[in-house]
Amino acid sequence: MNLFFSYTDSTGATITEEQFKKAEDELYKSYDQQDVSFGRIYNESDNVFQELPDDIMEKILKKSYETFSGQISYDEFKEAVNTIRTSN
């Protein structure tokens, strides 16, 4: 599968990728930019996550969201998951 990207302005006129990125940077200059990473929190092939009790799954998902939104670090997330899994 080959991906093709095209860029247009608010009037529908074609613009270059560079023009798009410049406009994007200008439009969102007041927003903080940060790198985020995504990781798996369970082994899908073994359905480990799905086999957890609902209350445990809920706690882990909440911690996952806190990690995604930058409230806690990934290391804090891993520690919290270990605590959640062993406290029940």
PDB file of N, CA and C in Angstrom:
ATOM      1  N   MET A   1       0.839  -1.178   0.000  1.00  0.00           N
ATOM      2  CA  MET A   1       0.000   0.000   0.000  1.00  0.00           C
ATOM      3  C   MET A   1       0.882   1.238   0.000  1.00  0.00           C
ATOM      4  N   ASN A   2       0.694   2.102  -0.946  1.00  0.00           N
ATOM      5  CA  ASN A   2       1.418   3.362  -1.015  1.00  0.00           C
ATOM      6  C   ASN A   2       0.515   4.478  -0.529  1.00  0.00           C
ATOM      7  N   LEU A   3       1.059   5.296   0.340  1.00  0.00           N
ATOM      8  CA  LEU A   3       0.297   6.433   0.840  1.00  0.00           C
ATOM      9  C   LEU A   3       0.629   7.665   0.018  1.00  0.00           C
ATOM     10  N   PHE A   4      -0.374   8.480  -0.220  1.00  0.00           N
ATOM     11  CA  PHE A   4      -0.190   9.729  -0.950  1.00  0.00           C
ATOM     12  C   PHE A   4      -0.813  10.840  -0.141  1.00  0.00           C
ATOM     13  N   PHE A   5      -0.058  11.890   0.089  1.00  0.00           N
ATOM     14  CA  PHE A   5      -0.560  13.024   0.853  1.00  0.00           C
ATOM     15  C   PHE A   5      -0.689  14.225  -0.063  1.00  0.00           C
ATOM     16  N   SER A   6      -1.783  14.932   0.065  1.00  0.00           N
ATOM     17  CA  SER A   6      -1.944  16.201  -0.646  1.00  0.00           C
ATOM     18  C   SER A   6      -2.371  17.239   0.374  1.00  0.00           C
ATOM     19  N   TYR A   7      -2.030  18.477   0.114  1.00  0.00           N
ATOM     20  CA  TYR A   7      -2.286  19.547   1.070  1.00  0.00           C
ATOM     21  C   TYR A   7      -3.066  20.661   0.380  1.00  0.00           C
ATOM     22  N   THR A   8      -4.057  21.174   1.095  1.00  0.00           N
ATOM     23  CA  THR A   8      -4.842  22.285   0.560  1.00  0.00           C
ATOM     24  C   THR A   8      -5.020  23.345   1.646  1.00  0.00           C
ATOM     25  N   ASP A   9      -5.269  24.562   1.194  1.00  0.00           N
ATOM     26  CA  ASP A   9      -5.551  25.623   2.159  1.00  0.00           C
ATOM     27  C   ASP A   9      -7.053  25.680   2.414  1.00  0.00           C
ATOM     28  N   SER A  10      -7.478  26.691   3.151  1.00  0.00           N
ATOM     29  CA  SER A  10      -8.897  26.765   3.530  1.00  0.00           C
ATOM     30  C   SER A  10      -9.827  27.003   2.346  1.00  0.00           C
ATOM     31  N   THR A  11      -9.268  27.421   1.215  1.00  0.00           N
ATOM     32  CA  THR A  11     -10.103  27.627   0.022  1.00  0.00           C
ATOM     33  C   THR A  11     -10.106  26.414  -0.900  1.00  0.00           C
ATOM     34  N   GLY A  12      -9.289  25.396  -0.532  1.00  0.00           N
ATOM     35  CA  GLY A  12      -9.208  24.203  -1.365  1.00  0.00           C
ATOM     36  C   GLY A  12      -8.076  24.238  -2.371  1.00  0.00           C
ATOM     37  N   ALA A  13      -7.315  25.335  -2.403  1.00  0.00           N
ATOM     38  CA  ALA A  13      -6.185  25.441  -3.327  1.00  0.00           C
ATOM     39  C   ALA A  13      -5.038  24.551  -2.847  1.00  0.00           C
ATOM     40  N   THR A  14      -4.366  23.914  -3.781  1.00  0.00           N
ATOM     41  CA  THR A  14      -3.248  23.040  -3.456  1.00  0.00           C
ATOM     42  C   THR A  14      -2.069  23.855  -2.934  1.00  0.00           C
ATOM     43  N   ILE A  15      -1.467  23.371  -1.844  1.00  0.00           N
ATOM     44  CA  ILE A  15      -0.271  23.993  -1.286  1.00  0.00           C
ATOM     45  C   ILE A  15       0.782  22.918  -1.069  1.00  0.00           C
ATOM     46  N   THR A  16       2.014  23.325  -0.840  1.00  0.00           N
ATOM     47  CA  THR A  16       3.093  22.369  -0.619  1.00  0.00           C
ATOM     48  C   THR A  16       3.067  21.879   0.835  1.00  0.00           C
ATOM     49  N   GLU A  17       3.772  20.792   1.075  1.00  0.00           N
ATOM     50  CA  GLU A  17       3.889  20.284   2.438  1.00  0.00           C
ATOM     51  C   GLU A  17       4.562  21.330   3.329  1.00  0.00           C
ATOM     52  N   GLU A  18       5.550  22.006   2.809  1.00  0.00           N
ATOM     53  CA  GLU A  18       6.245  23.050   3.571  1.00  0.00           C
ATOM     54  C   GLU A  18       5.289  24.180   3.959  1.00  0.00           C
ATOM     55  N   GLN A  19       4.444  24.611   3.033  1.00  0.00           N
ATOM     56  CA  GLN A  19       3.460  25.660   3.333  1.00  0.00           C
ATOM     57  C   GLN A  19       2.470  25.183   4.395  1.00  0.00           C
ATOM     58  N   PHE A  20       2.078  23.921   4.291  1.00  0.00           N
ATOM     59  CA  PHE A  20       1.154  23.356   5.270  1.00  0.00           C
ATOM     60  C   PHE A  20       1.779  23.357   6.663  1.00  0.00           C
ATOM     61  N   LYS A  21       3.016  22.870   6.761  1.00  0.00           N
ATOM     62  CA  LYS A  21       3.691  22.801   8.054  1.00  0.00           C
ATOM     63  C   LYS A  21       3.906  24.195   8.645  1.00  0.00           C
ATOM     64  N   LYS A  22       4.222  25.154   7.800  1.00  0.00           N
ATOM     65  CA  LYS A  22       4.407  26.527   8.274  1.00  0.00           C
ATOM     66  C   LYS A  22       3.085  27.068   8.832  1.00  0.00           C
ATOM     67  N   ALA A  23       1.995  26.830   8.122  1.00  0.00           N
ATOM     68  CA  ALA A  23       0.674  27.278   8.585  1.00  0.00           C
ATOM     69  C   ALA A  23       0.279  26.553   9.866  1.00  0.00           C
ATOM     70  N   GLU A  24       0.576  25.276   9.923  1.00  0.00           N
ATOM     71  CA  GLU A  24       0.275  24.475  11.110  1.00  0.00           C
ATOM     72  C   GLU A  24       1.034  25.012  12.321  1.00  0.00           C
ATOM     73  N   ASP A  25       2.327  25.294  12.141  1.00  0.00           N
ATOM     74  CA  ASP A  25       3.133  25.841  13.236  1.00  0.00           C
ATOM     75  C   ASP A  25       2.590  27.188  13.691  1.00  0.00           C
ATOM     76  N   GLU A  26       2.160  27.998  12.763  1.00  0.00           N
ATOM     77  CA  GLU A  26       1.623  29.323  13.103  1.00  0.00           C
ATOM     78  C   GLU A  26       0.276  29.196  13.818  1.00  0.00           C
ATOM     79  N   LEU A  27      -0.567  28.332  13.318  1.00  0.00           N
ATOM     80  CA  LEU A  27      -1.896  28.155  13.889  1.00  0.00           C
ATOM     81  C   LEU A  27      -1.837  27.616  15.315  1.00  0.00           C
ATOM     82  N   TYR A  28      -0.924  26.681  15.556  1.00  0.00           N
ATOM     83  CA  TYR A  28      -0.852  26.028  16.861  1.00  0.00           C
ATOM     84  C   TYR A  28       0.351  26.475  17.693  1.00  0.00           C
ATOM     85  N   LYS A  29       0.877  27.661  17.430  1.00  0.00           N
ATOM     86  CA  LYS A  29       2.085  28.101  18.132  1.00  0.00           C
ATOM     87  C   LYS A  29       1.870  28.270  19.636  1.00  0.00           C
ATOM     88  N   SER A  30       0.652  28.501  20.068  1.00  0.00           N
ATOM     89  CA  SER A  30       0.407  28.668  21.504  1.00  0.00           C
ATOM     90  C   SER A  30       0.289  27.329  22.233  1.00  0.00           C
ATOM     91  N   TYR A  31       0.268  26.236  21.495  1.00  0.00           N
ATOM     92  CA  TYR A  31       0.162  24.920  22.113  1.00  0.00           C
ATOM     93  C   TYR A  31       1.553  24.368  22.399  1.00  0.00           C
ATOM     94  N   ASP A  32       1.671  23.667  23.511  1.00  0.00           N
ATOM     95  CA  ASP A  32       2.924  22.982  23.805  1.00  0.00           C
ATOM     96  C   ASP A  32       3.036  21.776  22.891  1.00  0.00           C
ATOM     97  N   GLN A  33       4.240  21.530  22.426  1.00  0.00           N
ATOM     98  CA  GLN A  33       4.473  20.348  21.613  1.00  0.00           C
ATOM     99  C   GLN A  33       5.268  19.368  22.453  1.00  0.00           C
ATOM    100  N   GLN A  34       4.916  18.108  22.350  1.00  0.00           N
ATOM    101  CA  GLN A  34       5.633  17.090  23.096  1.00  0.00           C
ATOM    102  C   GLN A  34       5.627  15.789  22.328  1.00  0.00           C
ATOM    103  N   ASP A  35       6.622  14.997  22.581  1.00  0.00           N
ATOM    104  CA  ASP A  35       6.672  13.663  21.995  1.00  0.00           C
ATOM    105  C   ASP A  35       5.892  12.726  22.888  1.00  0.00           C
ATOM    106  N   VAL A  36       5.150  11.838  22.281  1.00  0.00           N
ATOM    107  CA  VAL A  36       4.435  10.814  23.035  1.00  0.00           C
ATOM    108  C   VAL A  36       4.759   9.463  22.429  1.00  0.00           C
ATOM    109  N   SER A  37       4.665   8.459  23.239  1.00  0.00           N
ATOM    110  CA  SER A  37       4.885   7.117  22.721  1.00  0.00           C
ATOM    111  C   SER A  37       3.724   6.240  23.160  1.00  0.00           C
ATOM    112  N   PHE A  38       3.452   5.280  22.353  1.00  0.00           N
ATOM    113  CA  PHE A  38       2.377   4.343  22.634  1.00  0.00           C
ATOM    114  C   PHE A  38       2.990   2.962  22.814  1.00  0.00           C
ATOM    115  N   GLY A  39       2.467   2.235  23.744  1.00  0.00           N
ATOM    116  CA  GLY A  39       2.958   0.880  23.967  1.00  0.00           C
ATOM    117  C   GLY A  39       1.809  -0.032  24.324  1.00  0.00           C
ATOM    118  N   ARG A  40       2.032  -1.296  24.149  1.00  0.00           N
ATOM    119  CA  ARG A  40       1.007  -2.270  24.513  1.00  0.00           C
ATOM    120  C   ARG A  40       1.087  -2.524  26.005  1.00  0.00           C
ATOM    121  N   ILE A  41      -0.053  -2.614  26.645  1.00  0.00           N
ATOM    122  CA  ILE A  41      -0.053  -2.901  28.071  1.00  0.00           C
ATOM    123  C   ILE A  41      -0.491  -4.335  28.343  1.00  0.00           C
ATOM    124  N   TYR A  42      -0.685  -5.092  27.315  1.00  0.00           N
ATOM    125  CA  TYR A  42      -1.062  -6.486  27.491  1.00  0.00           C
ATOM    126  C   TYR A  42      -0.690  -7.263  26.238  1.00  0.00           C
ATOM    127  N   ASN A  43      -0.653  -8.553  26.363  1.00  0.00           N
ATOM    128  CA  ASN A  43      -0.335  -9.420  25.246  1.00  0.00           C
ATOM    129  C   ASN A  43      -1.644  -9.815  24.564  1.00  0.00           C
ATOM    130  N   GLU A  44      -1.903  -9.228  23.412  1.00  0.00           N
ATOM    131  CA  GLU A  44      -3.180  -9.471  22.732  1.00  0.00           C
ATOM    132  C   GLU A  44      -3.387 -10.936  22.367  1.00  0.00           C
ATOM    133  N   SER A  45      -2.318 -11.605  21.987  1.00  0.00           N
ATOM    134  CA  SER A  45      -2.491 -12.992  21.535  1.00  0.00           C
ATOM    135  C   SER A  45      -2.920 -13.909  22.675  1.00  0.00           C
ATOM    136  N   ASP A  46      -2.554 -13.548  23.913  1.00  0.00           N
ATOM    137  CA  ASP A  46      -2.954 -14.376  25.050  1.00  0.00           C
ATOM    138  C   ASP A  46      -4.204 -13.855  25.751  1.00  0.00           C
ATOM    139  N   ASN A  47      -4.726 -12.721  25.304  1.00  0.00           N
ATOM    140  CA  ASN A  47      -5.918 -12.108  25.909  1.00  0.00           C
ATOM    141  C   ASN A  47      -5.764 -11.883  27.412  1.00  0.00           C
ATOM    142  N   VAL A  48      -4.560 -11.599  27.852  1.00  0.00           N
ATOM    143  CA  VAL A  48      -4.283 -11.421  29.281  1.00  0.00           C
ATOM    144  C   VAL A  48      -5.105 -10.264  29.842  1.00  0.00           C
ATOM    145  N   PHE A  49      -5.125  -9.155  29.138  1.00  0.00           N
ATOM    146  CA  PHE A  49      -5.835  -7.975  29.640  1.00  0.00           C
ATOM    147  C   PHE A  49      -7.334  -8.245  29.741  1.00  0.00           C
ATOM    148  N   GLN A  50      -7.907  -8.863  28.736  1.00  0.00           N
ATOM    149  CA  GLN A  50      -9.337  -9.113  28.721  1.00  0.00           C
ATOM    150  C   GLN A  50      -9.772 -10.074  29.814  1.00  0.00           C
ATOM    151  N   GLU A  51      -8.867 -10.885  30.321  1.00  0.00           N
ATOM    152  CA  GLU A  51      -9.207 -11.850  31.354  1.00  0.00           C
ATOM    153  C   GLU A  51      -9.183 -11.247  32.757  1.00  0.00           C
ATOM    154  N   LEU A  52      -8.732 -10.013  32.888  1.00  0.00           N
ATOM    155  CA  LEU A  52      -8.690  -9.366  34.198  1.00  0.00           C
ATOM    156  C   LEU A  52     -10.096  -9.020  34.669  1.00  0.00           C
ATOM    157  N   PRO A  53     -10.298  -8.985  35.975  1.00  0.00           N
ATOM    158  CA  PRO A  53     -11.595  -8.527  36.489  1.00  0.00           C
ATOM    159  C   PRO A  53     -11.843  -7.072  36.069  1.00  0.00           C
ATOM    160  N   ASP A  54     -13.080  -6.702  35.916  1.00  0.00           N
ATOM    161  CA  ASP A  54     -13.431  -5.367  35.428  1.00  0.00           C
ATOM    162  C   ASP A  54     -12.828  -4.242  36.260  1.00  0.00           C
ATOM    163  N   ASP A  55     -12.797  -4.391  37.584  1.00  0.00           N
ATOM    164  CA  ASP A  55     -12.266  -3.317  38.422  1.00  0.00           C
ATOM    165  C   ASP A  55     -10.768  -3.128  38.212  1.00  0.00           C
ATOM    166  N   ILE A  56     -10.042  -4.215  38.005  1.00  0.00           N
ATOM    167  CA  ILE A  56      -8.601  -4.134  37.746  1.00  0.00           C
ATOM    168  C   ILE A  56      -8.367  -3.508  36.374  1.00  0.00           C
ATOM    169  N   MET A  57      -9.129  -3.962  35.382  1.00  0.00           N
ATOM    170  CA  MET A  57      -9.007  -3.421  34.031  1.00  0.00           C
ATOM    171  C   MET A  57      -9.274  -1.918  34.038  1.00  0.00           C
ATOM    172  N   GLU A  58     -10.267  -1.489  34.778  1.00  0.00           N
ATOM    173  CA  GLU A  58     -10.612  -0.072  34.855  1.00  0.00           C
ATOM    174  C   GLU A  58      -9.459   0.743  35.448  1.00  0.00           C
ATOM    175  N   LYS A  59      -8.865   0.243  36.523  1.00  0.00           N
ATOM    176  CA  LYS A  59      -7.751   0.954  37.156  1.00  0.00           C
ATOM    177  C   LYS A  59      -6.559   1.071  36.210  1.00  0.00           C
ATOM    178  N   ILE A  60      -6.258   0.001  35.495  1.00  0.00           N
ATOM    179  CA  ILE A  60      -5.133   0.017  34.558  1.00  0.00           C
ATOM    180  C   ILE A  60      -5.408   0.984  33.415  1.00  0.00           C
ATOM    181  N   LEU A  61      -6.622   0.980  32.896  1.00  0.00           N
ATOM    182  CA  LEU A  61      -6.963   1.904  31.814  1.00  0.00           C
ATOM    183  C   LEU A  61      -6.873   3.363  32.266  1.00  0.00           C
ATOM    184  N   LYS A  62      -7.276   3.633  33.504  1.00  0.00           N
ATOM    185  CA  LYS A  62      -7.160   4.996  34.030  1.00  0.00           C
ATOM    186  C   LYS A  62      -5.702   5.412  34.117  1.00  0.00           C
ATOM    187  N   LYS A  63      -4.835   4.523  34.588  1.00  0.00           N
ATOM    188  CA  LYS A  63      -3.400   4.824  34.668  1.00  0.00           C
ATOM    189  C   LYS A  63      -2.813   4.987  33.265  1.00  0.00           C
ATOM    190  N   SER A  64      -3.303   4.196  32.320  1.00  0.00           N
ATOM    191  CA  SER A  64      -2.848   4.322  30.940  1.00  0.00           C
ATOM    192  C   SER A  64      -3.179   5.706  30.392  1.00  0.00           C
ATOM    193  N   TYR A  65      -4.394   6.173  30.672  1.00  0.00           N
ATOM    194  CA  TYR A  65      -4.782   7.506  30.213  1.00  0.00           C
ATOM    195  C   TYR A  65      -3.922   8.583  30.888  1.00  0.00           C
ATOM    196  N   GLU A  66      -3.649   8.420  32.186  1.00  0.00           N
ATOM    197  CA  GLU A  66      -2.805   9.388  32.878  1.00  0.00           C
ATOM    198  C   GLU A  66      -1.415   9.454  32.238  1.00  0.00           C
ATOM    199  N   THR A  67      -0.912   8.313  31.788  1.00  0.00           N
ATOM    200  CA  THR A  67       0.378   8.272  31.110  1.00  0.00           C
ATOM    201  C   THR A  67       0.286   8.990  29.770  1.00  0.00           C
ATOM    202  N   PHE A  68      -0.736   8.672  28.988  1.00  0.00           N
ATOM    203  CA  PHE A  68      -0.924   9.297  27.683  1.00  0.00           C
ATOM    204  C   PHE A  68      -1.065  10.807  27.795  1.00  0.00           C
ATOM    205  N   SER A  69      -1.789  11.274  28.806  1.00  0.00           N
ATOM    206  CA  SER A  69      -2.029  12.715  28.934  1.00  0.00           C
ATOM    207  C   SER A  69      -0.880  13.444  29.626  1.00  0.00           C
ATOM    208  N   GLY A  70       0.174  12.716  29.996  1.00  0.00           N
ATOM    209  CA  GLY A  70       1.351  13.350  30.567  1.00  0.00           C
ATOM    210  C   GLY A  70       1.291  13.601  32.066  1.00  0.00           C
ATOM    211  N   GLN A  71       0.293  13.062  32.734  1.00  0.00           N
ATOM    212  CA  GLN A  71       0.163  13.261  34.175  1.00  0.00           C
ATOM    213  C   GLN A  71       1.171  12.432  34.960  1.00  0.00           C
ATOM    214  N   ILE A  72       1.508  11.252  34.432  1.00  0.00           N
ATOM    215  CA  ILE A  72       2.513  10.401  35.068  1.00  0.00           C
ATOM    216  C   ILE A  72       3.446   9.871  33.982  1.00  0.00           C
ATOM    217  N   SER A  73       4.638   9.455  34.393  1.00  0.00           N
ATOM    218  CA  SER A  73       5.612   8.912  33.439  1.00  0.00           C
ATOM    219  C   SER A  73       5.298   7.443  33.150  1.00  0.00           C
ATOM    220  N   TYR A  74       5.951   6.923  32.124  1.00  0.00           N
ATOM    221  CA  TYR A  74       5.755   5.507  31.790  1.00  0.00           C
ATOM    222  C   TYR A  74       6.255   4.615  32.921  1.00  0.00           C
ATOM    223  N   ASP A  75       7.357   5.004  33.569  1.00  0.00           N
ATOM    224  CA  ASP A  75       7.858   4.222  34.702  1.00  0.00           C
ATOM    225  C   ASP A  75       6.847   4.210  35.850  1.00  0.00           C
ATOM    226  N   GLU A  76       6.219   5.362  36.102  1.00  0.00           N
ATOM    227  CA  GLU A  76       5.182   5.419  37.134  1.00  0.00           C
ATOM    228  C   GLU A  76       4.002   4.537  36.759  1.00  0.00           C
ATOM    229  N   PHE A  77       3.680   4.514  35.473  1.00  0.00           N
ATOM    230  CA  PHE A  77       2.600   3.658  34.990  1.00  0.00           C
ATOM    231  C   PHE A  77       2.912   2.186  35.266  1.00  0.00           C
ATOM    232  N   LYS A  78       4.127   1.757  34.901  1.00  0.00           N
ATOM    233  CA  LYS A  78       4.503   0.355  35.110  1.00  0.00           C
ATOM    234  C   LYS A  78       4.444  -0.007  36.590  1.00  0.00           C
ATOM    235  N   GLU A  79       4.921   0.892  37.442  1.00  0.00           N
ATOM    236  CA  GLU A  79       4.880   0.648  38.879  1.00  0.00           C
ATOM    237  C   GLU A  79       3.429   0.552  39.382  1.00  0.00           C
ATOM    238  N   ALA A  80       2.584   1.447  38.887  1.00  0.00           N
ATOM    239  CA  ALA A  80       1.168   1.439  39.288  1.00  0.00           C
ATOM    240  C   ALA A  80       0.486   0.158  38.848  1.00  0.00           C
ATOM    241  N   VAL A  81       0.773  -0.301  37.646  1.00  0.00           N
ATOM    242  CA  VAL A  81       0.163  -1.541  37.152  1.00  0.00           C
ATOM    243  C   VAL A  81       0.592  -2.724  38.016  1.00  0.00           C
ATOM    244  N   ASN A  82       1.861  -2.762  38.367  1.00  0.00           N
ATOM    245  CA  ASN A  82       2.327  -3.851  39.247  1.00  0.00           C
ATOM    246  C   ASN A  82       1.613  -3.810  40.587  1.00  0.00           C
ATOM    247  N   THR A  83       1.440  -2.605  41.140  1.00  0.00           N
ATOM    248  CA  THR A  83       0.737  -2.456  42.412  1.00  0.00           C
ATOM    249  C   THR A  83      -0.721  -2.874  42.282  1.00  0.00           C
ATOM    250  N   ILE A  84      -1.364  -2.445  41.209  1.00  0.00           N
ATOM    251  CA  ILE A  84      -2.775  -2.797  40.984  1.00  0.00           C
ATOM    252  C   ILE A  84      -2.938  -4.307  40.870  1.00  0.00           C
ATOM    253  N   ARG A  85      -2.066  -4.938  40.111  1.00  0.00           N
ATOM    254  CA  ARG A  85      -2.184  -6.392  39.891  1.00  0.00           C
ATOM    255  C   ARG A  85      -1.915  -7.193  41.159  1.00  0.00           C
ATOM    256  N   THR A  86      -1.015  -6.716  42.012  1.00  0.00           N
ATOM    257  CA  THR A  86      -0.646  -7.503  43.200  1.00  0.00           C
ATOM    258  C   THR A  86      -1.484  -7.159  44.433  1.00  0.00           C
ATOM    259  N   SER A  87      -2.215  -6.062  44.385  1.00  0.00           N
ATOM    260  CA  SER A  87      -2.978  -5.670  45.567  1.00  0.00           C
ATOM    261  C   SER A  87      -4.337  -6.353  45.642  1.00  0.00           C
ATOM    262  N   ASN A  88      -4.711  -7.076  44.623  1.00  0.00           N
ATOM    263  CA  ASN A  88      -6.033  -7.742  44.633  1.00  0.00           C
ATOM    264  C   ASN A  88      -5.910  -9.237  44.637  1.00  0.00           C
TER     265      ASN A  88
END
